[in-house]
N, C-alpha and C. Protein backbone atom coordinates (compact mmCIF):
# COMPACT_ATOMS: atom_id res chain seq x y z
N UNK A 1 84.63 71.17 -132.14
CA UNK A 1 84.58 71.24 -130.69
C UNK A 1 85.24 72.51 -130.17
N UNK A 2 86.41 72.88 -130.74
CA UNK A 2 87.13 74.05 -130.24
C UNK A 2 86.49 75.37 -130.66
N UNK A 3 85.47 75.30 -131.54
CA UNK A 3 84.76 76.52 -131.89
C UNK A 3 83.99 77.08 -130.69
N UNK A 4 83.79 76.25 -129.66
CA UNK A 4 83.07 76.68 -128.48
C UNK A 4 83.99 77.34 -127.43
N UNK A 5 85.30 77.31 -127.67
CA UNK A 5 86.24 78.01 -126.78
C UNK A 5 86.02 79.50 -126.96
N UNK A 6 85.74 80.26 -125.88
CA UNK A 6 85.50 81.69 -126.03
C UNK A 6 86.73 82.42 -126.57
N UNK A 7 86.46 83.50 -127.31
CA UNK A 7 87.55 84.24 -127.94
C UNK A 7 88.56 84.76 -126.92
N UNK A 8 88.10 85.17 -125.75
CA UNK A 8 89.03 85.70 -124.76
C UNK A 8 90.03 84.63 -124.30
N UNK A 9 89.55 83.38 -124.22
CA UNK A 9 90.44 82.30 -123.81
C UNK A 9 91.41 81.94 -124.93
N UNK A 10 90.91 81.94 -126.17
CA UNK A 10 91.79 81.70 -127.31
C UNK A 10 92.90 82.72 -127.39
N UNK A 11 92.55 83.99 -127.14
CA UNK A 11 93.55 85.06 -127.15
C UNK A 11 94.55 84.89 -126.02
N UNK A 12 94.05 84.49 -124.85
CA UNK A 12 94.91 84.29 -123.69
C UNK A 12 95.93 83.17 -123.95
N UNK A 13 95.52 82.16 -124.70
CA UNK A 13 96.39 81.01 -124.98
C UNK A 13 97.20 81.19 -126.27
N UNK A 14 97.17 82.39 -126.83
CA UNK A 14 97.77 82.61 -128.16
C UNK A 14 99.23 82.17 -128.25
N UNK A 15 99.99 82.33 -127.21
CA UNK A 15 101.41 81.97 -127.24
C UNK A 15 101.69 80.56 -126.74
N UNK A 16 100.63 79.84 -126.39
CA UNK A 16 100.81 78.45 -125.98
C UNK A 16 100.57 77.53 -127.17
N UNK A 17 101.62 76.86 -127.62
CA UNK A 17 101.54 76.02 -128.81
C UNK A 17 102.43 74.79 -128.62
N UNK A 18 102.04 73.71 -129.25
CA UNK A 18 102.79 72.46 -129.11
C UNK A 18 104.23 72.61 -129.63
N UNK A 19 104.37 73.22 -130.81
CA UNK A 19 105.70 73.46 -131.38
C UNK A 19 105.98 72.63 -132.62
N UNK A 20 106.51 73.30 -133.64
CA UNK A 20 106.84 72.62 -134.90
C UNK A 20 107.95 71.58 -134.72
N UNK A 21 108.78 71.78 -133.70
CA UNK A 21 109.86 70.82 -133.47
C UNK A 21 109.34 69.46 -133.00
N UNK A 22 108.05 69.37 -132.68
CA UNK A 22 107.46 68.11 -132.23
C UNK A 22 106.72 67.38 -133.35
N UNK A 23 106.75 67.92 -134.56
CA UNK A 23 106.16 67.22 -135.70
C UNK A 23 106.87 65.89 -135.95
N UNK A 24 106.16 64.93 -136.51
CA UNK A 24 106.78 63.64 -136.83
C UNK A 24 108.00 63.83 -137.73
N UNK A 25 107.88 64.66 -138.75
CA UNK A 25 108.99 64.87 -139.69
C UNK A 25 110.19 65.54 -139.06
N UNK A 26 110.01 66.17 -137.90
CA UNK A 26 111.12 66.83 -137.20
C UNK A 26 111.79 65.91 -136.18
N UNK A 27 111.26 64.73 -135.99
CA UNK A 27 111.81 63.78 -135.02
C UNK A 27 113.13 63.23 -135.56
N UNK A 28 114.26 63.47 -134.86
CA UNK A 28 115.55 62.99 -135.37
C UNK A 28 115.63 61.48 -135.48
N UNK A 29 114.80 60.76 -134.74
CA UNK A 29 114.81 59.30 -134.81
C UNK A 29 114.21 58.78 -136.10
N UNK A 30 113.40 59.61 -136.76
CA UNK A 30 112.74 59.18 -137.99
C UNK A 30 113.73 59.07 -139.14
N UNK A 31 114.71 59.97 -139.21
CA UNK A 31 115.66 60.01 -140.33
C UNK A 31 114.88 60.09 -141.63
N UNK A 32 114.44 61.31 -141.99
CA UNK A 32 113.44 61.50 -143.04
C UNK A 32 113.91 61.19 -144.46
N UNK A 33 115.12 60.77 -144.65
CA UNK A 33 115.58 60.39 -145.98
C UNK A 33 116.24 61.54 -146.71
N UNK A 34 116.99 61.23 -147.73
CA UNK A 34 117.74 62.25 -148.47
C UNK A 34 116.95 62.82 -149.64
N UNK A 35 115.92 62.11 -150.10
CA UNK A 35 115.11 62.58 -151.23
C UNK A 35 113.88 63.32 -150.73
N UNK A 36 113.36 64.21 -151.56
CA UNK A 36 112.15 64.97 -151.22
C UNK A 36 111.03 64.62 -152.19
N UNK A 37 109.86 64.40 -151.65
CA UNK A 37 108.65 64.20 -152.45
C UNK A 37 108.01 65.57 -152.65
N UNK A 38 107.57 65.86 -153.86
CA UNK A 38 106.88 67.12 -154.15
C UNK A 38 105.39 66.93 -153.84
N UNK A 39 104.97 67.40 -152.68
CA UNK A 39 103.59 67.24 -152.22
C UNK A 39 102.85 68.57 -152.36
N UNK A 40 101.74 68.58 -153.11
CA UNK A 40 100.97 69.80 -153.34
C UNK A 40 99.48 69.48 -153.25
N UNK A 41 98.68 70.54 -153.35
CA UNK A 41 97.22 70.40 -153.43
C UNK A 41 96.68 71.34 -154.49
N UNK A 42 95.74 70.88 -155.31
CA UNK A 42 95.11 71.79 -156.26
C UNK A 42 94.13 72.76 -155.59
N UNK A 43 93.87 72.56 -154.29
CA UNK A 43 92.88 73.37 -153.59
C UNK A 43 93.48 74.56 -152.84
N UNK A 44 94.78 74.51 -152.54
CA UNK A 44 95.42 75.62 -151.83
C UNK A 44 96.92 75.58 -152.10
N UNK A 45 97.53 76.76 -152.06
CA UNK A 45 98.97 76.86 -152.27
C UNK A 45 99.71 76.53 -150.98
N UNK A 46 100.95 76.11 -151.12
CA UNK A 46 101.76 75.79 -149.94
C UNK A 46 101.94 77.04 -149.08
N UNK A 47 101.63 76.91 -147.80
CA UNK A 47 101.75 78.02 -146.87
C UNK A 47 100.55 78.94 -146.84
N UNK A 48 99.52 78.65 -147.66
CA UNK A 48 98.35 79.51 -147.75
C UNK A 48 97.20 78.96 -146.90
N UNK A 49 96.16 79.76 -146.79
CA UNK A 49 95.00 79.42 -145.97
C UNK A 49 94.17 78.32 -146.62
N UNK A 50 93.74 77.36 -145.78
CA UNK A 50 92.86 76.30 -146.24
C UNK A 50 91.48 76.87 -146.57
N UNK A 51 90.89 76.49 -147.68
CA UNK A 51 89.50 76.88 -147.94
C UNK A 51 88.58 76.34 -146.84
N UNK A 52 87.54 77.08 -146.53
CA UNK A 52 86.65 76.75 -145.42
C UNK A 52 86.04 75.36 -145.56
N UNK A 53 85.81 74.90 -146.77
CA UNK A 53 85.14 73.61 -146.96
C UNK A 53 85.90 72.44 -146.34
N UNK A 54 87.20 72.60 -146.11
CA UNK A 54 88.00 71.52 -145.54
C UNK A 54 88.09 71.61 -144.02
N UNK A 55 87.40 72.56 -143.41
CA UNK A 55 87.49 72.81 -141.98
C UNK A 55 86.17 72.52 -141.28
N UNK A 56 86.18 72.66 -139.96
CA UNK A 56 84.97 72.45 -139.17
C UNK A 56 83.95 73.55 -139.40
N UNK A 57 84.33 74.65 -140.05
CA UNK A 57 83.40 75.72 -140.37
C UNK A 57 82.69 75.49 -141.70
N UNK A 58 83.11 74.46 -142.43
CA UNK A 58 82.49 74.14 -143.72
C UNK A 58 82.04 72.70 -143.75
N UNK A 59 82.20 72.07 -144.91
CA UNK A 59 81.79 70.68 -145.06
C UNK A 59 82.66 69.70 -144.28
N UNK A 60 83.88 70.12 -143.99
CA UNK A 60 84.76 69.28 -143.18
C UNK A 60 85.32 68.08 -143.91
N UNK A 61 85.44 68.17 -145.25
CA UNK A 61 86.03 67.08 -146.02
C UNK A 61 87.53 67.27 -146.11
N UNK A 62 88.25 66.21 -146.36
CA UNK A 62 89.71 66.31 -146.49
C UNK A 62 90.07 66.89 -147.85
N UNK A 63 91.15 67.67 -147.92
CA UNK A 63 91.53 68.29 -149.20
C UNK A 63 92.20 67.29 -150.14
N UNK A 64 92.15 67.58 -151.45
CA UNK A 64 92.86 66.73 -152.40
C UNK A 64 94.36 66.95 -152.30
N UNK A 65 95.12 65.89 -152.53
CA UNK A 65 96.58 65.96 -152.49
C UNK A 65 97.14 65.31 -153.75
N UNK A 66 98.26 65.84 -154.21
CA UNK A 66 98.95 65.30 -155.39
C UNK A 66 100.44 65.27 -155.08
N UNK A 67 101.14 64.23 -155.54
CA UNK A 67 102.57 64.18 -155.29
C UNK A 67 103.33 63.51 -156.42
N UNK A 68 104.59 63.90 -156.54
CA UNK A 68 105.53 63.30 -157.49
C UNK A 68 106.87 63.14 -156.79
N UNK A 69 107.77 62.40 -157.42
CA UNK A 69 109.12 62.25 -156.88
C UNK A 69 109.28 61.14 -155.87
N UNK A 70 108.38 60.15 -155.89
CA UNK A 70 108.53 58.99 -155.01
C UNK A 70 109.73 58.17 -155.49
N UNK A 71 110.70 57.92 -154.64
CA UNK A 71 111.94 57.26 -155.10
C UNK A 71 111.74 55.78 -155.41
N UNK A 72 112.64 55.27 -156.23
CA UNK A 72 112.67 53.84 -156.51
C UNK A 72 112.91 53.07 -155.22
N UNK A 73 112.30 51.91 -155.11
CA UNK A 73 112.45 51.10 -153.91
C UNK A 73 111.39 51.36 -152.87
N UNK A 74 110.47 52.30 -153.16
CA UNK A 74 109.38 52.57 -152.23
C UNK A 74 108.36 51.45 -152.26
N UNK A 75 108.08 50.87 -151.11
CA UNK A 75 107.10 49.79 -151.02
C UNK A 75 105.70 50.33 -150.79
N UNK A 76 105.61 51.41 -150.04
CA UNK A 76 104.31 51.98 -149.67
C UNK A 76 104.51 53.40 -149.16
N UNK A 77 103.42 54.13 -149.02
CA UNK A 77 103.46 55.49 -148.53
C UNK A 77 102.61 55.61 -147.26
N UNK A 78 102.98 56.55 -146.42
CA UNK A 78 102.23 56.82 -145.20
C UNK A 78 102.09 58.33 -145.04
N UNK A 79 100.95 58.76 -144.51
CA UNK A 79 100.65 60.19 -144.37
C UNK A 79 100.17 60.49 -142.97
N UNK A 80 100.68 61.56 -142.40
CA UNK A 80 100.14 62.08 -141.15
C UNK A 80 99.98 63.58 -141.30
N UNK A 81 98.87 64.10 -140.76
CA UNK A 81 98.60 65.54 -140.79
C UNK A 81 98.52 66.01 -139.34
N UNK A 82 99.34 67.02 -138.99
CA UNK A 82 99.40 67.49 -137.61
C UNK A 82 99.26 69.01 -137.53
N UNK A 83 98.73 69.46 -136.40
CA UNK A 83 98.65 70.88 -136.07
C UNK A 83 99.61 71.16 -134.91
N UNK A 84 100.80 71.71 -135.20
CA UNK A 84 101.76 71.99 -134.14
C UNK A 84 101.46 73.28 -133.38
N UNK A 85 100.42 74.01 -133.81
CA UNK A 85 100.07 75.26 -133.15
C UNK A 85 98.94 75.10 -132.14
N UNK A 86 98.48 73.87 -131.95
CA UNK A 86 97.44 73.62 -130.96
C UNK A 86 97.97 73.94 -129.56
N UNK A 87 97.11 74.47 -128.67
CA UNK A 87 97.54 74.79 -127.31
C UNK A 87 97.58 73.54 -126.43
N UNK A 88 98.38 72.58 -126.87
CA UNK A 88 98.50 71.28 -126.21
C UNK A 88 99.97 70.92 -126.07
N UNK A 89 100.27 69.84 -125.37
CA UNK A 89 101.67 69.46 -125.18
C UNK A 89 102.29 68.83 -126.43
N UNK A 90 101.45 68.26 -127.29
CA UNK A 90 101.93 67.64 -128.52
C UNK A 90 101.03 68.09 -129.67
N UNK A 91 101.53 68.07 -130.91
CA UNK A 91 100.68 68.45 -132.04
C UNK A 91 99.42 67.58 -132.10
N UNK A 92 98.31 68.20 -132.51
CA UNK A 92 97.08 67.44 -132.72
C UNK A 92 97.18 66.70 -134.05
N UNK A 93 96.78 65.45 -134.05
CA UNK A 93 96.77 64.64 -135.27
C UNK A 93 95.41 64.79 -135.94
N UNK A 94 95.43 65.21 -137.21
CA UNK A 94 94.18 65.39 -137.96
C UNK A 94 93.92 64.26 -138.94
N UNK A 95 94.93 63.50 -139.26
CA UNK A 95 94.76 62.32 -140.12
C UNK A 95 96.00 61.45 -140.03
N UNK A 96 95.78 60.16 -140.20
CA UNK A 96 96.87 59.19 -140.16
C UNK A 96 96.50 58.05 -141.11
N UNK A 97 97.31 57.87 -142.14
CA UNK A 97 97.04 56.85 -143.16
C UNK A 97 98.33 56.10 -143.46
N UNK A 98 98.23 54.81 -143.68
CA UNK A 98 99.39 54.04 -144.13
C UNK A 98 98.94 53.03 -145.19
N UNK A 99 99.93 52.37 -145.79
CA UNK A 99 99.68 51.42 -146.88
C UNK A 99 99.01 52.06 -148.08
N UNK A 100 99.39 53.30 -148.38
CA UNK A 100 99.01 53.91 -149.65
C UNK A 100 99.91 53.32 -150.74
N UNK A 101 99.35 53.04 -151.89
CA UNK A 101 100.11 52.46 -152.99
C UNK A 101 101.23 53.40 -153.41
N UNK A 102 102.40 52.83 -153.67
CA UNK A 102 103.58 53.65 -153.99
C UNK A 102 103.40 54.44 -155.29
N UNK A 103 102.52 53.97 -156.16
CA UNK A 103 102.30 54.65 -157.44
C UNK A 103 100.98 55.41 -157.49
N UNK A 104 100.37 55.64 -156.34
CA UNK A 104 99.04 56.28 -156.30
C UNK A 104 99.09 57.70 -156.87
N UNK A 105 100.04 58.51 -156.43
CA UNK A 105 100.21 59.85 -156.96
C UNK A 105 99.21 60.89 -156.49
N UNK A 106 98.14 60.47 -155.82
CA UNK A 106 97.15 61.45 -155.41
C UNK A 106 96.17 60.87 -154.40
N UNK A 107 95.54 61.76 -153.66
CA UNK A 107 94.37 61.45 -152.85
C UNK A 107 93.28 62.43 -153.26
N UNK A 108 92.13 61.93 -153.61
CA UNK A 108 91.04 62.80 -154.03
C UNK A 108 90.44 63.54 -152.84
N UNK A 109 89.72 64.61 -153.10
CA UNK A 109 89.00 65.32 -152.05
C UNK A 109 88.07 64.35 -151.32
N UNK A 110 88.11 64.38 -149.99
CA UNK A 110 87.26 63.51 -149.19
C UNK A 110 87.75 62.08 -149.06
N UNK A 111 88.96 61.78 -149.59
CA UNK A 111 89.44 60.40 -149.61
C UNK A 111 89.98 59.92 -148.28
N UNK A 112 90.44 60.84 -147.42
CA UNK A 112 91.02 60.42 -146.14
C UNK A 112 89.92 59.77 -145.29
N UNK A 113 90.13 58.51 -145.02
CA UNK A 113 89.13 57.73 -144.28
C UNK A 113 88.18 56.97 -145.16
N UNK A 114 88.23 57.21 -146.49
CA UNK A 114 87.34 56.51 -147.40
C UNK A 114 87.92 55.15 -147.78
N UNK A 115 87.07 54.25 -148.18
CA UNK A 115 87.50 52.91 -148.56
C UNK A 115 88.41 52.99 -149.79
N UNK A 116 89.49 52.24 -149.75
CA UNK A 116 90.41 52.19 -150.88
C UNK A 116 91.55 53.18 -150.81
N UNK A 117 91.54 54.07 -149.82
CA UNK A 117 92.61 55.06 -149.68
C UNK A 117 93.53 54.67 -148.54
N UNK A 118 94.19 53.54 -148.68
CA UNK A 118 95.08 53.07 -147.63
C UNK A 118 94.30 52.63 -146.40
N UNK A 119 95.03 52.49 -145.30
CA UNK A 119 94.42 52.13 -144.02
C UNK A 119 94.51 53.33 -143.09
N UNK A 120 93.47 53.54 -142.30
CA UNK A 120 93.34 54.77 -141.51
C UNK A 120 93.48 54.50 -140.02
N UNK A 121 94.29 55.33 -139.36
CA UNK A 121 94.45 55.24 -137.92
C UNK A 121 93.64 56.30 -137.20
N UNK A 122 93.92 56.47 -135.91
CA UNK A 122 93.16 57.39 -135.07
C UNK A 122 93.73 58.80 -135.11
N UNK A 123 92.83 59.78 -135.19
CA UNK A 123 93.25 61.16 -135.00
C UNK A 123 93.22 61.49 -133.51
N UNK A 124 93.49 62.74 -133.17
CA UNK A 124 93.58 63.10 -131.75
C UNK A 124 92.24 63.08 -131.02
N UNK A 125 91.15 63.00 -131.76
CA UNK A 125 89.83 62.86 -131.14
C UNK A 125 89.41 61.40 -131.09
N UNK A 126 90.41 60.49 -131.31
CA UNK A 126 90.22 59.04 -131.22
C UNK A 126 89.21 58.51 -132.23
N UNK A 127 89.14 59.19 -133.37
CA UNK A 127 88.28 58.75 -134.46
C UNK A 127 89.13 58.44 -135.68
N UNK A 128 88.62 57.59 -136.55
CA UNK A 128 89.32 57.30 -137.79
C UNK A 128 88.84 58.27 -138.87
N UNK A 129 89.77 58.71 -139.70
CA UNK A 129 89.41 59.63 -140.77
C UNK A 129 89.95 61.02 -140.53
N UNK A 130 89.41 61.97 -141.28
CA UNK A 130 89.87 63.36 -141.29
C UNK A 130 89.23 64.13 -140.14
N UNK A 131 90.07 64.76 -139.31
CA UNK A 131 89.61 65.66 -138.26
C UNK A 131 89.70 67.08 -138.81
N UNK A 132 88.57 67.72 -139.14
CA UNK A 132 88.64 69.04 -139.76
C UNK A 132 89.29 70.07 -138.85
N UNK A 133 90.12 70.95 -139.40
CA UNK A 133 90.72 72.02 -138.61
C UNK A 133 89.67 72.82 -137.84
N UNK A 134 89.96 73.07 -136.57
CA UNK A 134 88.97 73.62 -135.65
C UNK A 134 89.67 74.45 -134.57
N UNK A 135 90.50 75.45 -134.98
CA UNK A 135 91.30 76.17 -133.98
C UNK A 135 90.45 77.08 -133.09
N UNK A 136 90.90 77.35 -131.88
CA UNK A 136 90.16 78.27 -131.01
C UNK A 136 90.11 79.68 -131.61
N UNK A 137 88.98 80.34 -131.50
CA UNK A 137 88.83 81.72 -131.94
C UNK A 137 89.82 82.62 -131.18
N UNK A 138 90.54 83.46 -131.93
CA UNK A 138 91.46 84.39 -131.31
C UNK A 138 92.84 83.83 -131.03
N UNK A 139 93.07 82.56 -131.39
CA UNK A 139 94.37 81.94 -131.10
C UNK A 139 95.40 82.22 -132.18
N UNK A 140 94.99 82.82 -133.28
CA UNK A 140 95.92 83.13 -134.36
C UNK A 140 95.98 82.01 -135.39
N UNK A 141 96.90 82.16 -136.34
CA UNK A 141 97.06 81.17 -137.40
C UNK A 141 97.55 79.84 -136.86
N UNK A 142 96.99 78.77 -137.39
CA UNK A 142 97.48 77.43 -137.11
C UNK A 142 97.98 76.82 -138.42
N UNK A 143 99.14 76.16 -138.36
CA UNK A 143 99.65 75.39 -139.49
C UNK A 143 99.11 73.97 -139.42
N UNK A 144 98.65 73.49 -140.57
CA UNK A 144 98.24 72.09 -140.69
C UNK A 144 99.23 71.45 -141.64
N UNK A 145 100.10 70.60 -141.07
CA UNK A 145 101.27 70.10 -141.79
C UNK A 145 101.01 68.68 -142.29
N UNK A 146 100.92 68.57 -143.62
CA UNK A 146 100.73 67.29 -144.28
C UNK A 146 102.12 66.69 -144.51
N UNK A 147 102.39 65.51 -143.95
CA UNK A 147 103.70 64.88 -144.01
C UNK A 147 103.55 63.50 -144.67
N UNK A 148 104.12 63.38 -145.86
CA UNK A 148 104.02 62.14 -146.63
C UNK A 148 105.37 61.44 -146.62
N UNK A 149 105.38 60.17 -146.25
CA UNK A 149 106.62 59.40 -146.13
C UNK A 149 106.62 58.23 -147.12
N UNK A 150 107.70 58.12 -147.89
CA UNK A 150 107.93 56.94 -148.72
C UNK A 150 108.69 55.92 -147.88
N UNK A 151 108.14 54.72 -147.78
CA UNK A 151 108.71 53.70 -146.90
C UNK A 151 109.30 52.53 -147.68
N UNK A 152 110.38 51.99 -147.16
CA UNK A 152 111.06 50.87 -147.83
C UNK A 152 110.34 49.55 -147.61
N UNK A 153 109.48 49.49 -146.60
CA UNK A 153 108.72 48.27 -146.31
C UNK A 153 107.38 48.67 -145.70
N UNK A 154 106.38 47.86 -145.92
CA UNK A 154 105.05 48.16 -145.40
C UNK A 154 104.99 47.88 -143.90
N UNK A 155 104.58 48.85 -143.09
CA UNK A 155 104.50 48.63 -141.65
C UNK A 155 103.26 47.83 -141.27
N UNK A 156 103.35 47.09 -140.20
CA UNK A 156 102.21 46.38 -139.66
C UNK A 156 101.75 47.13 -138.41
N UNK A 157 100.66 47.88 -138.56
CA UNK A 157 100.21 48.76 -137.48
C UNK A 157 98.99 48.22 -136.73
N UNK A 158 98.49 47.09 -137.15
CA UNK A 158 97.33 46.54 -136.45
C UNK A 158 96.07 47.35 -136.71
N UNK A 159 95.12 47.30 -135.78
CA UNK A 159 93.84 47.98 -135.95
C UNK A 159 93.86 49.35 -135.28
N UNK A 160 93.49 50.38 -136.04
CA UNK A 160 93.27 51.74 -135.52
C UNK A 160 94.42 52.25 -134.65
N UNK A 161 95.63 52.30 -135.19
CA UNK A 161 96.77 52.79 -134.39
C UNK A 161 96.72 54.31 -134.22
N UNK A 162 97.44 54.79 -133.24
CA UNK A 162 97.59 56.22 -133.00
C UNK A 162 98.97 56.70 -133.43
N UNK A 163 99.29 57.92 -133.04
CA UNK A 163 100.52 58.57 -133.47
C UNK A 163 101.77 57.81 -133.03
N UNK A 164 101.84 57.37 -131.78
CA UNK A 164 103.05 56.72 -131.29
C UNK A 164 103.33 55.42 -132.04
N UNK A 165 102.29 54.65 -132.33
CA UNK A 165 102.47 53.41 -133.09
C UNK A 165 102.91 53.73 -134.51
N UNK A 166 102.39 54.80 -135.08
CA UNK A 166 102.77 55.23 -136.42
C UNK A 166 104.25 55.58 -136.47
N UNK A 167 104.69 56.39 -135.52
CA UNK A 167 106.10 56.80 -135.47
C UNK A 167 107.02 55.59 -135.33
N UNK A 168 106.67 54.70 -134.44
CA UNK A 168 107.49 53.50 -134.23
C UNK A 168 107.56 52.66 -135.49
N UNK A 169 106.44 52.55 -136.20
CA UNK A 169 106.38 51.69 -137.38
C UNK A 169 107.18 52.23 -138.56
N UNK A 170 107.27 53.55 -138.71
CA UNK A 170 107.98 54.09 -139.87
C UNK A 170 109.45 54.36 -139.58
N UNK A 171 109.85 54.37 -138.32
CA UNK A 171 111.24 54.63 -137.97
C UNK A 171 112.17 53.61 -138.63
N UNK A 172 113.19 54.11 -139.32
CA UNK A 172 114.15 53.24 -140.00
C UNK A 172 113.71 52.80 -141.38
N UNK A 173 112.53 53.25 -141.83
CA UNK A 173 112.00 52.82 -143.13
C UNK A 173 111.79 53.97 -144.11
N UNK A 174 112.07 55.20 -143.69
CA UNK A 174 111.75 56.37 -144.52
C UNK A 174 112.82 56.59 -145.58
N UNK A 175 112.39 56.60 -146.85
CA UNK A 175 113.29 56.87 -147.97
C UNK A 175 113.22 58.33 -148.41
N UNK A 176 112.05 58.93 -148.28
CA UNK A 176 111.85 60.31 -148.72
C UNK A 176 110.63 60.88 -148.00
N UNK A 177 110.57 62.21 -147.95
CA UNK A 177 109.49 62.88 -147.24
C UNK A 177 108.99 64.06 -148.06
N UNK A 178 107.69 64.27 -148.03
CA UNK A 178 107.07 65.44 -148.64
C UNK A 178 106.30 66.22 -147.60
N UNK A 179 106.39 67.55 -147.66
CA UNK A 179 105.69 68.40 -146.70
C UNK A 179 104.84 69.43 -147.43
N UNK A 180 103.64 69.66 -146.89
CA UNK A 180 102.74 70.69 -147.40
C UNK A 180 102.04 71.31 -146.20
N UNK A 181 102.01 72.64 -146.16
CA UNK A 181 101.37 73.34 -145.03
C UNK A 181 100.20 74.17 -145.52
N UNK A 182 99.05 73.98 -144.88
CA UNK A 182 97.90 74.85 -145.05
C UNK A 182 97.63 75.52 -143.72
N UNK A 183 97.15 76.75 -143.73
CA UNK A 183 96.89 77.46 -142.49
C UNK A 183 95.39 77.71 -142.31
N UNK A 184 94.99 77.95 -141.06
CA UNK A 184 93.61 78.32 -140.78
C UNK A 184 93.56 79.02 -139.44
N UNK A 185 92.61 79.94 -139.29
CA UNK A 185 92.41 80.65 -138.03
C UNK A 185 90.95 81.05 -137.95
N UNK A 186 90.56 81.42 -136.74
CA UNK A 186 89.21 81.94 -136.52
C UNK A 186 89.31 83.34 -135.92
N UNK A 187 88.40 84.22 -136.34
CA UNK A 187 88.37 85.56 -135.78
C UNK A 187 89.33 86.51 -136.43
N UNK A 188 89.95 86.10 -137.56
CA UNK A 188 90.88 86.95 -138.27
C UNK A 188 90.61 86.82 -139.76
N UNK A 189 90.53 87.95 -140.47
CA UNK A 189 90.30 87.92 -141.92
C UNK A 189 91.56 87.42 -142.60
N UNK A 190 91.37 86.57 -143.58
CA UNK A 190 92.53 86.03 -144.32
C UNK A 190 92.10 85.70 -145.73
N UNK A 191 93.08 85.40 -146.57
CA UNK A 191 92.81 85.03 -147.95
C UNK A 191 93.25 83.61 -148.20
N UNK A 192 92.45 82.90 -148.97
CA UNK A 192 92.85 81.57 -149.43
C UNK A 192 93.47 81.74 -150.81
N UNK A 193 94.63 81.16 -151.01
CA UNK A 193 95.33 81.30 -152.28
C UNK A 193 95.30 79.98 -153.02
N UNK A 194 94.76 80.01 -154.23
CA UNK A 194 94.72 78.82 -155.08
C UNK A 194 95.45 79.17 -156.38
N UNK A 195 95.44 78.25 -157.31
CA UNK A 195 96.21 78.43 -158.53
C UNK A 195 95.79 79.68 -159.32
N UNK A 196 94.51 80.07 -159.24
CA UNK A 196 94.02 81.20 -160.02
C UNK A 196 94.06 82.53 -159.27
N UNK A 197 94.65 82.55 -158.08
CA UNK A 197 94.75 83.79 -157.33
C UNK A 197 94.00 83.74 -156.01
N UNK A 198 94.07 84.83 -155.22
CA UNK A 198 93.49 84.83 -153.88
C UNK A 198 91.97 84.99 -153.91
N UNK A 199 91.32 84.37 -152.92
CA UNK A 199 89.90 84.57 -152.71
C UNK A 199 89.70 84.80 -151.23
N UNK A 200 88.69 85.58 -150.86
CA UNK A 200 88.42 85.84 -149.46
C UNK A 200 87.90 84.59 -148.78
N UNK A 201 88.46 84.26 -147.61
CA UNK A 201 88.04 83.07 -146.88
C UNK A 201 87.37 83.46 -145.57
């Protein structure tokens, strides 16, 4: 949808961003835990550009994720993906999942929103599943922050919850947190970095 924002408007809004301090993992009420989960992707390096296939300019499938270091006592895992660089008052939610098995260790490509990959809530476009990155042309780099939480108890979120219900449900239950950032932009040349080196994106 945001691909239709004209480049001049994207450039004009370049300094208007929700802010990384508004990410779920940055919320002081969450108390993200003392342990860290090692969250990575075989499709892109941490801090590097997302391959086009995972965005609105490509197939729009969710990227694969892999993690280790889930602490003992974890009952379940929950994941939220946010864009804090959106020109909005709050970060845009690109995915929201809970009740992932504590020993799962991975999400396959395209698994966000698929059957068997936990339970899926609403993204910022009020749909369930993966909202492909779709930044305005000329707005600069956007961070897409994958935040994985190990929870001491399984939350009861009801049907198709949104971000506020997610935050309320995990508050006081977080044992450990994993973070992974992929970037994307439109109208600027960049490189996607994977395990075998950079490729033009």
